[in-house]
Amino acid sequence: MRLEESVNKHWNESRAKRSAAANDLAGGGGDGHPPGMETEVALLKQRADQADQRMGRVEDKLDRIAETLTHLATKEDVKRAENAAWNALGVGAGIAFAVIAIFVSVLAYLQDQRIASSSAPPPPPGITLNLPAWPTPPAAPAPPAPTAPAR
């Protein structure tokens, strides 16, 4: 039976007893205490003990949490780690750039040395076309001689 069911059952029973006790007290009988009060006090003591046990477990857990928190990183630790990571990234990128620049420079130097030391034959001379002379056009007919006017 769950705790809530037990509480509800006891509540209903104690309410019925209280109403019966109120009727008894109203008649003037008894020792001035409603019947069943001892069981209710015992139940309250039992619940107080359970609450003390639960509080003890909660305090133990809180102590463990507090101890764990002392070992965790602070904001400053996280910021320092972040800065170190960015610094390492910058240094790595700089080194990579330097290595690539040196590699390209060595390749360019070797290419220049190969071209300078090659004993390849000179390139062939340019192509010369020998074409026949352009034909001269026939001489133009002489202009007509002026004629003397007829008198």
N, C-alpha and C. Protein backbone atom coordinates (compact mmCIF):
# COMPACT_ATOMS: atom_id res chain seq x y z
N MET A 1 0.84 -1.16 0.00
CA MET A 1 0.00 0.00 0.00
C MET A 1 0.90 1.24 0.00
N ARG A 2 0.59 2.17 -0.84
CA ARG A 2 1.38 3.40 -0.94
C ARG A 2 1.10 4.31 0.24
N LEU A 3 2.01 5.26 0.43
CA LEU A 3 1.91 6.16 1.57
C LEU A 3 0.64 7.01 1.48
N GLU A 4 0.31 7.51 0.28
CA GLU A 4 -0.87 8.35 0.14
C GLU A 4 -2.15 7.58 0.49
N GLU A 5 -2.20 6.32 0.06
CA GLU A 5 -3.39 5.51 0.36
C GLU A 5 -3.50 5.27 1.86
N SER A 6 -2.34 5.01 2.48
CA SER A 6 -2.35 4.80 3.93
C SER A 6 -2.81 6.05 4.66
N VAL A 7 -2.32 7.20 4.23
CA VAL A 7 -2.70 8.46 4.87
C VAL A 7 -4.18 8.72 4.70
N ASN A 8 -4.67 8.51 3.47
CA ASN A 8 -6.11 8.74 3.22
C ASN A 8 -6.99 7.80 4.06
N LYS A 9 -6.56 6.54 4.14
CA LYS A 9 -7.34 5.57 4.91
C LYS A 9 -7.35 6.00 6.38
N HIS A 10 -6.17 6.34 6.89
CA HIS A 10 -6.11 6.74 8.30
C HIS A 10 -6.90 8.03 8.54
N TRP A 11 -6.82 8.95 7.62
CA TRP A 11 -7.54 10.21 7.75
C TRP A 11 -9.05 9.97 7.86
N ASN A 12 -9.55 9.12 6.99
CA ASN A 12 -10.98 8.83 7.01
C ASN A 12 -11.39 8.15 8.31
N GLU A 13 -10.53 7.20 8.77
CA GLU A 13 -10.85 6.50 10.02
C GLU A 13 -10.81 7.46 11.20
N SER A 14 -9.78 8.32 11.22
CA SER A 14 -9.66 9.24 12.36
C SER A 14 -10.77 10.29 12.34
N ARG A 15 -11.22 10.69 11.18
CA ARG A 15 -12.33 11.64 11.11
C ARG A 15 -13.60 11.02 11.68
N ALA A 16 -13.81 9.75 11.34
CA ALA A 16 -15.00 9.06 11.87
C ALA A 16 -14.90 8.93 13.39
N LYS A 17 -13.67 8.61 13.90
CA LYS A 17 -13.49 8.49 15.34
C LYS A 17 -13.66 9.84 16.04
N ARG A 18 -13.15 10.89 15.39
CA ARG A 18 -13.28 12.22 15.99
C ARG A 18 -14.74 12.65 16.09
N SER A 19 -15.49 12.36 15.05
CA SER A 19 -16.90 12.76 15.12
C SER A 19 -17.63 11.95 16.19
N ALA A 20 -17.23 10.66 16.32
CA ALA A 20 -17.85 9.84 17.37
C ALA A 20 -17.40 10.34 18.73
N ALA A 21 -16.10 10.73 18.84
CA ALA A 21 -15.57 11.22 20.12
C ALA A 21 -16.22 12.55 20.47
N ALA A 22 -16.47 13.38 19.48
CA ALA A 22 -17.11 14.66 19.74
C ALA A 22 -18.51 14.44 20.31
N ASN A 23 -19.18 13.44 19.79
CA ASN A 23 -20.51 13.13 20.32
C ASN A 23 -20.41 12.63 21.76
N ASP A 24 -19.34 11.80 22.05
CA ASP A 24 -19.15 11.30 23.40
C ASP A 24 -18.83 12.43 24.36
N LEU A 25 -17.93 13.35 23.92
CA LEU A 25 -17.53 14.45 24.79
C LEU A 25 -18.69 15.41 25.02
N ALA A 26 -19.51 15.54 24.02
CA ALA A 26 -20.65 16.43 24.16
C ALA A 26 -21.59 15.92 25.26
N GLY A 27 -21.60 14.60 25.43
CA GLY A 27 -22.46 14.03 26.47
C GLY A 27 -21.81 14.12 27.84
N GLY A 28 -20.55 14.53 27.93
CA GLY A 28 -19.89 14.69 29.21
C GLY A 28 -19.19 13.46 29.69
N GLY A 29 -19.06 12.40 28.91
CA GLY A 29 -18.39 11.20 29.37
C GLY A 29 -16.93 11.18 28.96
N GLY A 30 -16.13 10.32 29.53
CA GLY A 30 -14.73 10.12 29.17
C GLY A 30 -13.80 10.97 30.00
N ASP A 31 -12.48 10.88 29.67
CA ASP A 31 -11.47 11.60 30.45
C ASP A 31 -11.06 12.92 29.81
N GLY A 32 -11.79 13.44 28.90
CA GLY A 32 -11.49 14.73 28.28
C GLY A 32 -10.68 14.62 27.00
N HIS A 33 -10.25 13.41 26.63
CA HIS A 33 -9.51 13.19 25.37
C HIS A 33 -10.37 12.32 24.47
N PRO A 34 -10.36 12.67 23.18
CA PRO A 34 -11.13 11.80 22.29
C PRO A 34 -10.48 10.42 22.20
N PRO A 35 -11.28 9.39 22.04
CA PRO A 35 -10.71 8.04 21.92
C PRO A 35 -9.88 7.93 20.64
N GLY A 36 -8.79 7.17 20.69
CA GLY A 36 -7.94 6.97 19.51
C GLY A 36 -6.85 8.01 19.39
N MET A 37 -6.76 8.92 20.35
CA MET A 37 -5.75 9.98 20.28
C MET A 37 -4.34 9.39 20.40
N GLU A 38 -4.19 8.34 21.21
CA GLU A 38 -2.87 7.73 21.37
C GLU A 38 -2.37 7.16 20.05
N THR A 39 -3.26 6.56 19.26
CA THR A 39 -2.84 6.01 17.97
C THR A 39 -2.44 7.12 17.02
N GLU A 40 -3.15 8.24 17.08
CA GLU A 40 -2.80 9.36 16.19
C GLU A 40 -1.46 9.94 16.58
N VAL A 41 -1.17 10.07 17.88
CA VAL A 41 0.12 10.58 18.33
C VAL A 41 1.22 9.63 17.91
N ALA A 42 0.98 8.32 18.03
CA ALA A 42 1.97 7.33 17.62
C ALA A 42 2.23 7.43 16.11
N LEU A 43 1.16 7.63 15.34
CA LEU A 43 1.30 7.78 13.89
C LEU A 43 2.11 9.03 13.56
N LEU A 44 1.85 10.12 14.27
CA LEU A 44 2.60 11.35 14.03
C LEU A 44 4.07 11.17 14.38
N LYS A 45 4.37 10.44 15.46
CA LYS A 45 5.76 10.16 15.81
C LYS A 45 6.44 9.33 14.72
N GLN A 46 5.71 8.35 14.20
CA GLN A 46 6.27 7.50 13.14
C GLN A 46 6.57 8.34 11.90
N ARG A 47 5.67 9.22 11.53
CA ARG A 47 5.88 10.08 10.36
C ARG A 47 7.02 11.05 10.60
N ALA A 48 7.18 11.55 11.80
CA ALA A 48 8.29 12.44 12.11
C ALA A 48 9.62 11.71 11.96
N ASP A 49 9.65 10.45 12.43
CA ASP A 49 10.87 9.65 12.27
C ASP A 49 11.18 9.43 10.79
N GLN A 50 10.15 9.13 9.99
CA GLN A 50 10.36 8.95 8.54
C GLN A 50 10.87 10.24 7.91
N ALA A 51 10.32 11.37 8.34
CA ALA A 51 10.77 12.66 7.79
C ALA A 51 12.23 12.92 8.18
N ASP A 52 12.60 12.55 9.43
CA ASP A 52 13.99 12.71 9.85
C ASP A 52 14.92 11.86 9.00
N GLN A 53 14.49 10.63 8.70
CA GLN A 53 15.32 9.76 7.87
C GLN A 53 15.48 10.34 6.46
N ARG A 54 14.39 10.84 5.92
CA ARG A 54 14.47 11.44 4.57
C ARG A 54 15.37 12.66 4.57
N MET A 55 15.25 13.50 5.59
CA MET A 55 16.10 14.69 5.69
C MET A 55 17.57 14.29 5.79
N GLY A 56 17.86 13.21 6.51
CA GLY A 56 19.24 12.72 6.61
C GLY A 56 19.77 12.31 5.24
N ARG A 57 18.93 11.60 4.46
CA ARG A 57 19.35 11.19 3.11
C ARG A 57 19.56 12.41 2.21
N VAL A 58 18.67 13.41 2.33
CA VAL A 58 18.80 14.63 1.53
C VAL A 58 20.09 15.37 1.89
N GLU A 59 20.38 15.46 3.21
CA GLU A 59 21.60 16.13 3.63
C GLU A 59 22.84 15.40 3.13
N ASP A 60 22.82 14.06 3.14
CA ASP A 60 23.95 13.30 2.61
C ASP A 60 24.16 13.59 1.13
N LYS A 61 23.06 13.63 0.39
CA LYS A 61 23.17 13.92 -1.04
C LYS A 61 23.69 15.33 -1.27
N LEU A 62 23.22 16.28 -0.49
CA LEU A 62 23.70 17.66 -0.63
C LEU A 62 25.18 17.77 -0.31
N ASP A 63 25.64 17.01 0.69
CA ASP A 63 27.06 17.01 1.02
C ASP A 63 27.89 16.47 -0.14
N ARG A 64 27.40 15.39 -0.75
CA ARG A 64 28.13 14.82 -1.91
C ARG A 64 28.13 15.81 -3.08
N ILE A 65 27.02 16.49 -3.31
CA ILE A 65 26.96 17.48 -4.39
C ILE A 65 27.92 18.62 -4.11
N ALA A 66 27.97 19.09 -2.87
CA ALA A 66 28.86 20.19 -2.52
C ALA A 66 30.32 19.77 -2.71
N GLU A 67 30.64 18.54 -2.35
CA GLU A 67 32.02 18.06 -2.55
C GLU A 67 32.36 17.96 -4.04
N THR A 68 31.41 17.51 -4.84
CA THR A 68 31.64 17.40 -6.28
C THR A 68 31.84 18.78 -6.89
N LEU A 69 31.08 19.76 -6.43
CA LEU A 69 31.18 21.11 -6.99
C LEU A 69 32.54 21.74 -6.71
N THR A 70 33.20 21.35 -5.62
CA THR A 70 34.52 21.93 -5.34
C THR A 70 35.55 21.47 -6.36
N HIS A 71 35.31 20.33 -7.02
CA HIS A 71 36.27 19.80 -7.98
C HIS A 71 35.97 20.24 -9.41
N LEU A 72 34.87 20.92 -9.64
CA LEU A 72 34.51 21.35 -10.99
C LEU A 72 35.25 22.64 -11.35
N ALA A 73 35.34 22.90 -12.65
CA ALA A 73 36.03 24.09 -13.14
C ALA A 73 35.19 25.34 -12.88
N THR A 74 35.90 26.44 -12.62
CA THR A 74 35.23 27.72 -12.44
C THR A 74 35.16 28.43 -13.79
N LYS A 75 34.51 29.59 -13.81
CA LYS A 75 34.43 30.37 -15.05
C LYS A 75 35.81 30.78 -15.51
N GLU A 76 36.68 31.12 -14.56
CA GLU A 76 38.05 31.52 -14.91
C GLU A 76 38.80 30.36 -15.55
N ASP A 77 38.62 29.15 -15.01
CA ASP A 77 39.29 27.98 -15.57
C ASP A 77 38.83 27.73 -17.00
N VAL A 78 37.53 27.86 -17.23
CA VAL A 78 36.99 27.64 -18.58
C VAL A 78 37.52 28.71 -19.54
N LYS A 79 37.57 29.96 -19.08
CA LYS A 79 38.07 31.06 -19.93
C LYS A 79 39.54 30.84 -20.27
N ARG A 80 40.35 30.42 -19.27
CA ARG A 80 41.76 30.16 -19.53
C ARG A 80 41.92 29.02 -20.54
N ALA A 81 41.13 27.98 -20.41
CA ALA A 81 41.21 26.85 -21.34
C ALA A 81 40.81 27.29 -22.75
N GLU A 82 39.79 28.12 -22.83
CA GLU A 82 39.33 28.62 -24.14
C GLU A 82 40.42 29.46 -24.80
N ASN A 83 41.05 30.35 -24.02
CA ASN A 83 42.13 31.18 -24.56
C ASN A 83 43.30 30.32 -25.01
N ALA A 84 43.63 29.30 -24.24
CA ALA A 84 44.72 28.42 -24.62
C ALA A 84 44.41 27.68 -25.92
N ALA A 85 43.17 27.28 -26.08
CA ALA A 85 42.79 26.58 -27.32
C ALA A 85 42.91 27.52 -28.53
N TRP A 86 42.45 28.77 -28.38
CA TRP A 86 42.56 29.72 -29.49
C TRP A 86 44.02 30.02 -29.81
N ASN A 87 44.85 30.16 -28.75
CA ASN A 87 46.27 30.41 -28.97
C ASN A 87 46.91 29.25 -29.72
N ALA A 88 46.59 28.04 -29.32
CA ALA A 88 47.14 26.86 -30.00
C ALA A 88 46.69 26.81 -31.45
N LEU A 89 45.45 27.17 -31.71
CA LEU A 89 44.95 27.19 -33.09
C LEU A 89 45.70 28.22 -33.92
N GLY A 90 45.92 29.40 -33.36
CA GLY A 90 46.66 30.45 -34.08
C GLY A 90 48.09 30.04 -34.37
N VAL A 91 48.76 29.45 -33.39
CA VAL A 91 50.14 29.00 -33.60
C VAL A 91 50.17 27.90 -34.65
N GLY A 92 49.24 26.98 -34.59
CA GLY A 92 49.18 25.89 -35.59
C GLY A 92 48.96 26.43 -36.99
N ALA A 93 48.06 27.40 -37.12
CA ALA A 93 47.80 27.99 -38.45
C ALA A 93 49.04 28.73 -38.95
N GLY A 94 49.73 29.44 -38.06
CA GLY A 94 50.95 30.14 -38.47
C GLY A 94 52.03 29.18 -38.94
N ILE A 95 52.21 28.10 -38.21
CA ILE A 95 53.22 27.11 -38.60
C ILE A 95 52.84 26.48 -39.94
N ALA A 96 51.58 26.16 -40.13
CA ALA A 96 51.15 25.56 -41.40
C ALA A 96 51.39 26.53 -42.55
N PHE A 97 51.10 27.80 -42.35
CA PHE A 97 51.33 28.80 -43.40
C PHE A 97 52.82 28.90 -43.72
N ALA A 98 53.68 28.90 -42.70
CA ALA A 98 55.13 28.98 -42.92
C ALA A 98 55.65 27.77 -43.68
N VAL A 99 55.17 26.59 -43.33
CA VAL A 99 55.61 25.37 -44.02
C VAL A 99 55.19 25.40 -45.48
N ILE A 100 53.99 25.83 -45.74
CA ILE A 100 53.52 25.89 -47.14
C ILE A 100 54.33 26.93 -47.92
N ALA A 101 54.62 28.08 -47.31
CA ALA A 101 55.40 29.11 -48.00
C ALA A 101 56.81 28.60 -48.31
N ILE A 102 57.44 27.92 -47.37
CA ILE A 102 58.78 27.37 -47.62
C ILE A 102 58.73 26.32 -48.72
N PHE A 103 57.73 25.47 -48.71
CA PHE A 103 57.59 24.43 -49.73
C PHE A 103 57.44 25.05 -51.12
N VAL A 104 56.59 26.06 -51.24
CA VAL A 104 56.39 26.72 -52.54
C VAL A 104 57.68 27.42 -52.98
N SER A 105 58.39 28.04 -52.05
CA SER A 105 59.64 28.72 -52.40
C SER A 105 60.69 27.73 -52.90
N VAL A 106 60.82 26.60 -52.25
CA VAL A 106 61.79 25.58 -52.69
C VAL A 106 61.41 25.05 -54.06
N LEU A 107 60.14 24.81 -54.29
CA LEU A 107 59.73 24.34 -55.62
C LEU A 107 60.03 25.38 -56.70
N ALA A 108 59.78 26.65 -56.41
CA ALA A 108 60.06 27.70 -57.39
C ALA A 108 61.56 27.80 -57.67
N TYR A 109 62.38 27.68 -56.63
CA TYR A 109 63.83 27.73 -56.80
C TYR A 109 64.30 26.56 -57.66
N LEU A 110 63.79 25.37 -57.37
CA LEU A 110 64.20 24.20 -58.16
C LEU A 110 63.75 24.33 -59.60
N GLN A 111 62.61 24.87 -59.84
CA GLN A 111 62.13 25.07 -61.21
C GLN A 111 63.04 26.04 -61.95
N ASP A 112 63.43 27.14 -61.30
CA ASP A 112 64.34 28.11 -61.92
C ASP A 112 65.68 27.47 -62.23
N GLN A 113 66.20 26.64 -61.34
CA GLN A 113 67.49 25.98 -61.55
C GLN A 113 67.40 24.99 -62.71
N ARG A 114 66.31 24.31 -62.83
CA ARG A 114 66.15 23.35 -63.92
C ARG A 114 66.11 24.08 -65.26
N ILE A 115 65.41 25.20 -65.31
CA ILE A 115 65.31 25.94 -66.56
C ILE A 115 66.67 26.53 -66.92
N ALA A 116 67.41 27.05 -65.94
CA ALA A 116 68.70 27.68 -66.20
C ALA A 116 69.74 26.66 -66.62
N SER A 117 69.69 25.47 -66.11
CA SER A 117 70.73 24.48 -66.41
C SER A 117 70.34 23.54 -67.54
N SER A 118 69.21 23.70 -68.11
CA SER A 118 68.82 22.76 -69.17
C SER A 118 69.63 23.06 -70.43
N SER A 119 70.08 22.02 -71.12
CA SER A 119 70.85 22.17 -72.36
C SER A 119 69.98 21.82 -73.55
N ALA A 120 68.84 22.31 -73.53
CA ALA A 120 67.91 22.04 -74.63
C ALA A 120 68.35 22.83 -75.84
N PRO A 121 68.16 22.28 -77.04
CA PRO A 121 68.55 23.01 -78.25
C PRO A 121 67.74 24.29 -78.36
N PRO A 122 68.31 25.28 -78.96
CA PRO A 122 67.57 26.53 -79.09
C PRO A 122 66.30 26.29 -79.90
N PRO A 123 65.35 27.08 -79.71
CA PRO A 123 64.11 26.88 -80.45
C PRO A 123 64.35 27.12 -81.94
N PRO A 124 63.60 26.45 -82.78
CA PRO A 124 63.79 26.63 -84.22
C PRO A 124 63.49 28.07 -84.61
N PRO A 125 64.13 28.53 -85.69
CA PRO A 125 63.86 29.90 -86.11
C PRO A 125 62.41 30.03 -86.56
N GLY A 126 61.98 31.25 -86.61
CA GLY A 126 60.61 31.47 -87.02
C GLY A 126 60.38 31.03 -88.47
N ILE A 127 59.22 30.82 -88.87
CA ILE A 127 58.89 30.36 -90.22
C ILE A 127 58.96 31.55 -91.16
N THR A 128 59.71 31.36 -92.25
CA THR A 128 59.82 32.41 -93.26
C THR A 128 59.10 31.91 -94.50
N LEU A 129 58.23 32.69 -95.01
CA LEU A 129 57.51 32.33 -96.23
C LEU A 129 58.13 33.08 -97.41
N ASN A 130 58.51 32.34 -98.43
CA ASN A 130 59.04 32.94 -99.66
C ASN A 130 57.93 32.91 -100.69
N LEU A 131 57.36 34.03 -100.94
CA LEU A 131 56.26 34.12 -101.90
C LEU A 131 56.76 34.84 -103.15
N PRO A 132 56.22 34.50 -104.31
CA PRO A 132 56.63 35.20 -105.53
C PRO A 132 56.22 36.66 -105.42
N ALA A 133 56.90 37.47 -106.17
CA ALA A 133 56.61 38.90 -106.13
C ALA A 133 55.19 39.14 -106.62
N TRP A 134 54.64 40.17 -106.18
CA TRP A 134 53.27 40.50 -106.56
C TRP A 134 53.28 40.91 -108.01
N PRO A 135 52.41 40.37 -108.81
CA PRO A 135 52.44 40.74 -110.24
C PRO A 135 52.12 42.22 -110.40
N THR A 136 52.86 42.85 -111.32
CA THR A 136 52.62 44.26 -111.56
C THR A 136 51.46 44.37 -112.52
N PRO A 137 50.62 45.30 -112.28
CA PRO A 137 49.48 45.44 -113.18
C PRO A 137 49.96 45.97 -114.56
N PRO A 138 49.27 45.70 -115.60
CA PRO A 138 49.67 46.21 -116.94
C PRO A 138 49.65 47.74 -116.92
N ALA A 139 50.45 48.29 -117.77
CA ALA A 139 50.55 49.75 -117.82
C ALA A 139 49.22 50.33 -118.26
N ALA A 140 48.90 51.40 -117.72
CA ALA A 140 47.64 52.05 -118.04
C ALA A 140 47.77 52.71 -119.41
N PRO A 141 46.74 52.71 -120.20
CA PRO A 141 46.85 53.35 -121.52
C PRO A 141 47.12 54.85 -121.34
N ALA A 142 47.82 55.36 -122.27
CA ALA A 142 48.17 56.79 -122.20
C ALA A 142 46.93 57.61 -122.44
N PRO A 143 46.87 58.70 -121.80
CA PRO A 143 45.70 59.52 -122.01
C PRO A 143 45.67 60.03 -123.46
N PRO A 144 44.56 60.26 -123.99
CA PRO A 144 44.50 60.74 -125.40
C PRO A 144 45.20 62.09 -125.54
N ALA A 145 45.84 62.26 -126.66
CA ALA A 145 46.56 63.52 -126.89
C ALA A 145 45.55 64.61 -127.22
N PRO A 146 45.85 65.75 -126.78
CA PRO A 146 44.88 66.82 -127.07
C PRO A 146 44.86 67.10 -128.59
N THR A 147 43.80 67.29 -129.08
CA THR A 147 43.65 67.58 -130.53
C THR A 147 43.52 69.08 -130.71
N ALA A 148 44.01 69.51 -131.87
CA ALA A 148 43.94 70.93 -132.13
C ALA A 148 42.54 71.25 -132.60
N PRO A 149 42.09 72.31 -132.16
CA PRO A 149 40.72 72.66 -132.56
C PRO A 149 40.68 72.95 -134.07
N ALA A 150 39.75 72.65 -134.67
CA ALA A 150 39.56 72.87 -136.11
C ALA A 150 39.10 74.30 -136.33
N ARG A 151 39.86 74.86 -137.14
CA ARG A 151 39.54 76.24 -137.39
C ARG A 151 39.02 76.41 -138.69
